Amino acid sequence: MSSTVIDRDLVRRVAEAAHIKLTDEELDKYAHQMKAIVEAFTELDQVDTEGVEPSFHPIELENVLREDEPRDWAWNPLGNTVHKENKYFKGPRIT
């Protein structure tokens, strides 16, 4: 287990650093939860991983996107406006 003592005082200092106000009941609850979390990580630290390759993703990723092929566009974005000039929207003149 870690050499850091996880108690209400530690939880209170963490809460103060995060600008969180906790009740006495919450301090007890979170101290218990924080202790359980640290114990779980301590248990994980004891697992022998010698010779195990790192796994960055459990499922091999592959590109699922289609090939980028140019094609005609059926939508005419200027079709519903009278404010156009050639192939562009026409806005008010800025002076």
C-alpha atoms as a PDB file:
ATOM      1  CA  MET A   1       0.000   0.000   0.000  1.00  0.00           C
ATOM      2  CA  SER A   2       1.041   3.583  -0.527  1.00  0.00           C
ATOM      3  CA  SER A   3       2.918   5.462   2.189  1.00  0.00           C
ATOM      4  CA  THR A   4       0.394   8.317   1.941  1.00  0.00           C
ATOM      5  CA  VAL A   5      -2.296   8.147   4.606  1.00  0.00           C
ATOM      6  CA  ILE A   6      -5.705   8.584   3.050  1.00  0.00           C
ATOM      7  CA  ASP A   7      -8.010  10.126   5.593  1.00  0.00           C
ATOM      8  CA  ARG A   8     -10.515  12.941   5.991  1.00  0.00           C
ATOM      9  CA  ASP A   9      -7.713  15.506   6.201  1.00  0.00           C
ATOM     10  CA  LEU A  10      -6.323  14.510   2.795  1.00  0.00           C
ATOM     11  CA  VAL A  11      -9.800  14.598   1.255  1.00  0.00           C
ATOM     12  CA  ARG A  12     -10.408  18.006   2.847  1.00  0.00           C
ATOM     13  CA  ARG A  13      -7.130  19.372   1.367  1.00  0.00           C
ATOM     14  CA  VAL A  14      -7.995  17.992  -2.097  1.00  0.00           C
ATOM     15  CA  ALA A  15     -11.484  19.494  -1.852  1.00  0.00           C
ATOM     16  CA  GLU A  16     -10.064  22.866  -0.815  1.00  0.00           C
ATOM     17  CA  ALA A  17      -7.628  22.800  -3.738  1.00  0.00           C
ATOM     18  CA  ALA A  18     -10.587  22.118  -6.057  1.00  0.00           C
ATOM     19  CA  HIS A  19     -12.697  24.789  -4.311  1.00  0.00           C
ATOM     20  CA  ILE A  20     -15.311  22.204  -3.301  1.00  0.00           C
ATOM     21  CA  LYS A  21     -17.162  22.371   0.006  1.00  0.00           C
ATOM     22  CA  LEU A  22     -17.807  18.954   1.550  1.00  0.00           C
ATOM     23  CA  THR A  23     -19.841  17.921   4.572  1.00  0.00           C
ATOM     24  CA  ASP A  24     -18.405  15.677   7.282  1.00  0.00           C
ATOM     25  CA  GLU A  25     -20.365  12.743   5.846  1.00  0.00           C
ATOM     26  CA  GLU A  26     -18.939  13.404   2.378  1.00  0.00           C
ATOM     27  CA  LEU A  27     -15.404  13.595   3.777  1.00  0.00           C
ATOM     28  CA  ASP A  28     -15.842  10.129   5.318  1.00  0.00           C
ATOM     29  CA  LYS A  29     -17.451   8.724   2.170  1.00  0.00           C
ATOM     30  CA  TYR A  30     -14.791  10.085  -0.198  1.00  0.00           C
ATOM     31  CA  ALA A  31     -11.931   9.060   2.090  1.00  0.00           C
ATOM     32  CA  HIS A  32     -13.255   5.491   1.958  1.00  0.00           C
ATOM     33  CA  GLN A  33     -13.649   5.638  -1.843  1.00  0.00           C
ATOM     34  CA  MET A  34     -10.203   7.176  -2.368  1.00  0.00           C
ATOM     35  CA  LYS A  35      -8.637   4.467  -0.213  1.00  0.00           C
ATOM     36  CA  ALA A  36     -10.376   1.767  -2.317  1.00  0.00           C
ATOM     37  CA  ILE A  37      -9.100   3.359  -5.532  1.00  0.00           C
ATOM     38  CA  VAL A  38      -5.509   3.522  -4.294  1.00  0.00           C
ATOM     39  CA  GLU A  39      -5.723  -0.110  -3.124  1.00  0.00           C
ATOM     40  CA  ALA A  40      -6.958  -1.157  -6.586  1.00  0.00           C
ATOM     41  CA  PHE A  41      -4.026   0.586  -8.262  1.00  0.00           C
ATOM     42  CA  THR A  42      -1.632  -0.946  -5.742  1.00  0.00           C
ATOM     43  CA  GLU A  43      -3.001  -4.364  -6.685  1.00  0.00           C
ATOM     44  CA  LEU A  44      -2.511  -3.580 -10.377  1.00  0.00           C
ATOM     45  CA  ASP A  45       1.081  -2.510  -9.708  1.00  0.00           C
ATOM     46  CA  GLN A  46       1.806  -6.028  -8.410  1.00  0.00           C
ATOM     47  CA  VAL A  47       0.833  -7.736 -11.684  1.00  0.00           C
ATOM     48  CA  ASP A  48       3.837  -9.213 -13.495  1.00  0.00           C
ATOM     49  CA  THR A  49       3.978  -7.624 -16.947  1.00  0.00           C
ATOM     50  CA  GLU A  50       7.473  -8.756 -17.857  1.00  0.00           C
ATOM     51  CA  GLY A  51       7.632  -9.559 -21.579  1.00  0.00           C
ATOM     52  CA  VAL A  52       4.108  -8.292 -22.286  1.00  0.00           C
ATOM     53  CA  GLU A  53       3.870  -5.970 -25.276  1.00  0.00           C
ATOM     54  CA  PRO A  54       1.956  -2.739 -24.635  1.00  0.00           C
ATOM     55  CA  SER A  55      -1.567  -2.702 -26.006  1.00  0.00           C
ATOM     56  CA  PHE A  56      -2.798   0.704 -27.002  1.00  0.00           C
ATOM     57  CA  HIS A  57      -6.169  -0.549 -28.220  1.00  0.00           C
ATOM     58  CA  PRO A  58      -7.709  -3.963 -27.549  1.00  0.00           C
ATOM     59  CA  ILE A  59      -9.265  -4.187 -31.014  1.00  0.00           C
ATOM     60  CA  GLU A  60      -7.169  -3.566 -34.101  1.00  0.00           C
ATOM     61  CA  LEU A  61      -8.285  -0.371 -35.782  1.00  0.00           C
ATOM     62  CA  GLU A  62      -8.779  -0.110 -39.500  1.00  0.00           C
ATOM     63  CA  ASN A  63      -9.912   2.642 -41.786  1.00  0.00           C
ATOM     64  CA  VAL A  64     -13.651   2.285 -42.345  1.00  0.00           C
ATOM     65  CA  LEU A  65     -13.985   5.340 -44.560  1.00  0.00           C
ATOM     66  CA  ARG A  66     -14.718   5.114 -48.250  1.00  0.00           C
ATOM     67  CA  GLU A  67     -12.265   6.212 -50.895  1.00  0.00           C
ATOM     68  CA  ASP A  68     -12.489   9.911 -51.641  1.00  0.00           C
ATOM     69  CA  GLU A  69     -13.794  10.052 -55.188  1.00  0.00           C
ATOM     70  CA  PRO A  70     -15.052  13.225 -56.867  1.00  0.00           C
ATOM     71  CA  ARG A  71     -18.644  13.143 -58.074  1.00  0.00           C
ATOM     72  CA  ASP A  72     -21.279  15.559 -59.301  1.00  0.00           C
ATOM     73  CA  TRP A  73     -23.259  17.401 -56.684  1.00  0.00           C
ATOM     74  CA  ALA A  74     -27.002  17.388 -57.287  1.00  0.00           C
ATOM     75  CA  TRP A  75     -27.770  20.189 -54.826  1.00  0.00           C
ATOM     76  CA  ASN A  76     -27.779  23.776 -56.078  1.00  0.00           C
ATOM     77  CA  PRO A  77     -27.034  26.018 -53.067  1.00  0.00           C
ATOM     78  CA  LEU A  78     -27.926  29.159 -55.019  1.00  0.00           C
ATOM     79  CA  GLY A  79     -31.209  27.749 -56.287  1.00  0.00           C
ATOM     80  CA  ASN A  80     -33.446  29.439 -53.666  1.00  0.00           C
ATOM     81  CA  THR A  81     -31.919  32.906 -53.546  1.00  0.00           C
ATOM     82  CA  VAL A  82     -32.292  35.984 -55.686  1.00  0.00           C
ATOM     83  CA  HIS A  83     -29.164  37.482 -54.099  1.00  0.00           C
ATOM     84  CA  LYS A  84     -26.558  35.952 -56.360  1.00  0.00           C
ATOM     85  CA  GLU A  85     -24.038  36.980 -58.922  1.00  0.00           C
ATOM     86  CA  ASN A  86     -22.521  34.351 -61.200  1.00  0.00           C
ATOM     87  CA  LYS A  87     -21.676  31.389 -58.907  1.00  0.00           C
ATOM     88  CA  TYR A  88     -21.623  33.403 -55.643  1.00  0.00           C
ATOM     89  CA  PHE A  89     -24.006  34.756 -53.020  1.00  0.00           C
ATOM     90  CA  LYS A  90     -24.300  38.513 -53.283  1.00  0.00           C
ATOM     91  CA  GLY A  91     -24.305  40.424 -50.010  1.00  0.00           C
ATOM     92  CA  PRO A  92     -24.839  44.083 -49.202  1.00  0.00           C
ATOM     93  CA  ARG A  93     -22.083  46.493 -50.108  1.00  0.00           C
ATOM     94  CA  ILE A  94     -19.957  47.476 -47.106  1.00  0.00           C
ATOM     95  CA  THR A  95     -18.855  51.074 -47.131  1.00  0.00           C
END
